[in-house]
Amino acid sequence: MLIDYEALSHADRRALAGLHDSKQMSAEKRAELFPCVLRAAERVSVVVRSARGIDSRGLHVTNIEALSCALERLRPDEGATCLVDGFALRDCTVPHRAVIEGDGTSAAIAAASVIAKVTRDRYMHGAGRDYPGWRFEEHVGYSTPEHREAIERIGISPLHRRSFQSVAYSQLELAG
């Protein structure tokens, strides 16, 4: 995400001053910041990967590939260096710098994290309508006791990663 701070309204600048590690924000706070971040952004790129793809390549490899793809889609200006959270992207052609715990120290990374989390939460709310037995709209895919209970009760959905190691999964026989 590229942010144009000069184009921001006073209200958006004030709201964005509250950006920090999105994992430490409530879902409501992230949702409140989401439109401010979109208005501030020059460009946004969201990349989604399926459970099947994650299962075939692994979560870390898939995350690195998706982040590289997102940066390449942004097409940053000549001479710009993008900040990424945590890991250098070995095969990425876009100049970038890894920032350890970046969503807690970089406003740009925190803003990107808000976009990612709100987008994922909205997707999971839709999945809750499509797959009501798992109550995705409540736990948005995180391993809560209710989520584990639903898996034990009705099994896994097409959205569940079969490669994920979970206590709830250990009771199931999973093919592939």
Protein backbone atom coordinates (compact mmCIF):
# COMPACT_ATOMS: atom_id res chain seq x y z
CA MET A 1 0.00 0.00 0.00
CA LEU A 2 1.26 3.46 -0.87
CA ILE A 3 -0.05 6.32 1.27
CA ASP A 4 -0.41 9.96 0.18
CA TYR A 5 -0.43 11.82 3.51
CA GLU A 6 -0.66 15.22 1.78
CA ALA A 7 -4.08 14.39 0.32
CA LEU A 8 -5.64 13.45 3.67
CA SER A 9 -8.36 15.40 5.41
CA HIS A 10 -7.73 16.53 8.96
CA ALA A 11 -10.24 13.95 10.23
CA ASP A 12 -8.50 11.12 8.38
CA ARG A 13 -5.07 12.22 9.62
CA ARG A 14 -6.43 12.19 13.15
CA ALA A 15 -8.01 8.76 12.72
CA LEU A 16 -4.85 7.33 11.17
CA ALA A 17 -2.81 8.61 14.11
CA GLY A 18 -4.40 5.68 15.95
CA LEU A 19 -2.81 3.11 13.65
CA HIS A 20 -0.75 0.45 15.38
CA ASP A 21 -0.50 -3.31 15.40
CA SER A 22 -3.88 -4.42 14.02
CA LYS A 23 -3.78 -7.61 16.08
CA GLN A 24 -4.08 -5.38 19.15
CA MET A 25 -7.09 -3.46 17.78
CA SER A 26 -10.69 -4.50 18.11
CA ALA A 27 -12.55 -5.55 14.96
CA GLU A 28 -14.63 -2.38 15.36
CA LYS A 29 -11.56 -0.13 15.47
CA ARG A 30 -10.09 -1.83 12.37
CA ALA A 31 -13.43 -1.40 10.56
CA GLU A 32 -13.48 2.29 11.54
CA LEU A 33 -9.94 2.81 10.19
CA PHE A 34 -10.53 0.82 7.00
CA PRO A 35 -12.18 3.61 4.93
CA CYS A 36 -9.63 6.15 6.23
CA VAL A 37 -6.80 3.91 5.08
CA LEU A 38 -8.44 3.45 1.67
CA ARG A 39 -8.84 7.21 1.26
CA ALA A 40 -5.21 7.72 2.24
CA ALA A 41 -3.84 5.04 -0.06
CA GLU A 42 -2.52 5.89 -3.50
CA ARG A 43 -2.72 2.21 -4.40
CA VAL A 44 -3.90 -0.95 -2.66
CA SER A 45 -3.33 -4.56 -3.63
CA VAL A 46 -5.02 -7.47 -1.91
CA VAL A 47 -3.96 -11.00 -2.81
CA VAL A 48 -6.01 -14.01 -1.73
CA ARG A 49 -4.85 -17.62 -1.68
CA SER A 50 -7.05 -20.69 -1.26
CA ALA A 51 -6.81 -23.36 1.42
CA ARG A 52 -5.99 -25.86 -1.32
CA GLY A 53 -3.07 -23.72 -2.53
CA ILE A 54 -1.79 -23.28 1.01
CA ASP A 55 -2.02 -27.04 1.56
CA SER A 56 0.01 -27.73 -1.57
CA ARG A 57 2.79 -25.16 -1.00
CA GLY A 58 2.73 -24.56 2.75
CA LEU A 59 1.59 -21.48 4.66
CA HIS A 60 4.94 -19.64 4.87
CA VAL A 61 5.81 -20.16 1.20
CA THR A 62 2.30 -19.11 0.18
CA ASN A 63 2.42 -15.98 2.37
CA ILE A 64 5.79 -14.92 0.94
CA GLU A 65 4.58 -15.51 -2.62
CA ALA A 66 1.33 -13.60 -1.99
CA LEU A 67 3.20 -10.65 -0.46
CA SER A 68 5.58 -10.56 -3.43
CA CYS A 69 2.63 -10.62 -5.80
CA ALA A 70 0.92 -7.79 -3.91
CA LEU A 71 4.04 -5.59 -4.10
CA GLU A 72 4.46 -6.27 -7.80
CA ARG A 73 0.82 -5.33 -8.44
CA LEU A 74 1.32 -2.03 -6.58
CA ARG A 75 4.02 -0.96 -9.03
CA PRO A 76 5.72 1.52 -6.70
CA ASP A 77 7.31 4.64 -8.14
CA GLU A 78 10.87 4.47 -9.43
CA GLY A 79 13.33 4.67 -6.55
CA ALA A 80 10.76 3.75 -3.88
CA THR A 81 11.50 1.07 -1.32
CA CYS A 82 8.52 -0.76 0.14
CA LEU A 83 8.40 -1.87 3.76
CA VAL A 84 7.23 -5.41 4.46
CA ASP A 85 6.39 -7.03 7.74
CA GLY A 86 8.91 -9.58 8.92
CA PHE A 87 10.52 -11.33 5.99
CA ALA A 88 12.63 -10.37 3.02
CA LEU A 89 11.06 -11.57 -0.22
CA ARG A 90 13.87 -13.37 -2.00
CA ASP A 91 12.27 -13.60 -5.46
CA CYS A 92 10.44 -10.26 -5.40
CA THR A 93 11.53 -7.77 -8.06
CA VAL A 94 10.24 -4.75 -6.12
CA PRO A 95 12.81 -3.01 -3.89
CA HIS A 96 11.75 -3.63 -0.30
CA ARG A 97 13.00 -3.79 3.26
CA ALA A 98 11.83 -6.25 5.89
CA VAL A 99 10.83 -4.70 9.20
CA ILE A 100 10.59 -7.09 12.14
CA GLU A 101 7.27 -6.57 13.92
CA GLY A 102 6.57 -3.91 11.31
CA ASP A 103 2.85 -3.59 12.00
CA GLY A 104 3.80 -2.22 15.42
CA THR A 105 6.47 0.21 14.17
CA SER A 106 5.45 1.34 10.66
CA ALA A 107 2.22 3.21 9.89
CA ALA A 108 2.29 1.92 6.30
CA ILE A 109 2.62 -1.71 7.42
CA ALA A 110 -0.05 -1.21 10.10
CA ALA A 111 -2.37 0.30 7.47
CA ALA A 112 -1.77 -2.66 5.15
CA SER A 113 -2.50 -5.01 8.03
CA VAL A 114 -5.82 -3.25 8.70
CA ILE A 115 -6.78 -3.70 5.03
CA ALA A 116 -5.80 -7.38 5.15
CA LYS A 117 -7.64 -8.15 8.39
CA VAL A 118 -10.83 -6.28 7.52
CA THR A 119 -10.89 -7.87 4.06
CA ARG A 120 -10.42 -11.32 5.60
CA ASP A 121 -13.07 -10.69 8.27
CA ARG A 122 -15.57 -9.60 5.60
CA TYR A 123 -14.80 -12.72 3.59
CA MET A 124 -15.31 -14.88 6.68
CA HIS A 125 -18.66 -13.19 7.40
CA GLY A 126 -19.74 -14.22 3.89
CA ALA A 127 -18.39 -17.72 4.53
CA GLY A 128 -20.57 -17.83 7.64
CA ARG A 129 -23.62 -17.42 5.42
CA ASP A 130 -22.36 -20.07 2.97
CA TYR A 131 -21.25 -22.54 5.66
CA PRO A 132 -23.50 -21.81 8.66
CA GLY A 133 -22.55 -24.79 10.80
CA TRP A 134 -19.00 -23.54 11.39
CA ARG A 135 -20.00 -20.00 12.51
CA PHE A 136 -17.14 -18.39 10.59
CA GLU A 137 -18.76 -14.98 11.10
CA GLU A 138 -18.09 -15.29 14.83
CA HIS A 139 -14.51 -16.58 14.98
CA VAL A 140 -13.41 -15.43 11.48
CA GLY A 141 -11.29 -18.56 11.08
CA TYR A 142 -9.35 -18.44 14.31
CA SER A 143 -9.12 -21.57 16.42
CA THR A 144 -11.61 -20.85 19.17
CA PRO A 145 -13.25 -23.51 21.37
CA GLU A 146 -16.47 -23.00 19.37
CA HIS A 147 -14.66 -23.46 16.07
CA ARG A 148 -12.96 -26.64 17.30
CA GLU A 149 -16.28 -27.95 18.57
CA ALA A 150 -17.91 -27.35 15.18
CA ILE A 151 -15.11 -29.24 13.45
CA GLU A 152 -15.48 -32.14 15.87
CA ARG A 153 -19.25 -32.11 15.39
CA ILE A 154 -19.57 -31.71 11.59
CA GLY A 155 -16.04 -32.10 10.21
CA ILE A 156 -14.19 -29.64 8.04
CA SER A 157 -15.52 -27.40 5.30
CA PRO A 158 -13.95 -26.73 1.90
CA LEU A 159 -12.43 -23.60 3.48
CA HIS A 160 -10.39 -25.52 6.06
CA ARG A 161 -6.73 -26.21 5.41
CA ARG A 162 -6.11 -29.91 5.57
CA SER A 163 -2.42 -29.38 6.32
CA PHE A 164 -3.18 -27.35 9.46
CA GLN A 165 -2.30 -29.21 12.64
CA SER A 166 -5.07 -28.82 15.20
CA VAL A 167 -6.34 -30.77 18.16
CA ALA A 168 -9.78 -30.69 16.54
CA TYR A 169 -8.37 -32.12 13.31
CA SER A 170 -6.61 -34.97 15.12
CA GLN A 171 -9.99 -36.62 15.69
CA LEU A 172 -10.78 -36.68 11.97
CA GLU A 173 -9.56 -38.84 9.15
CA LEU A 174 -8.60 -36.38 6.43
CA ALA A 175 -7.97 -37.43 2.87
CA GLY A 176 -5.43 -35.42 0.86
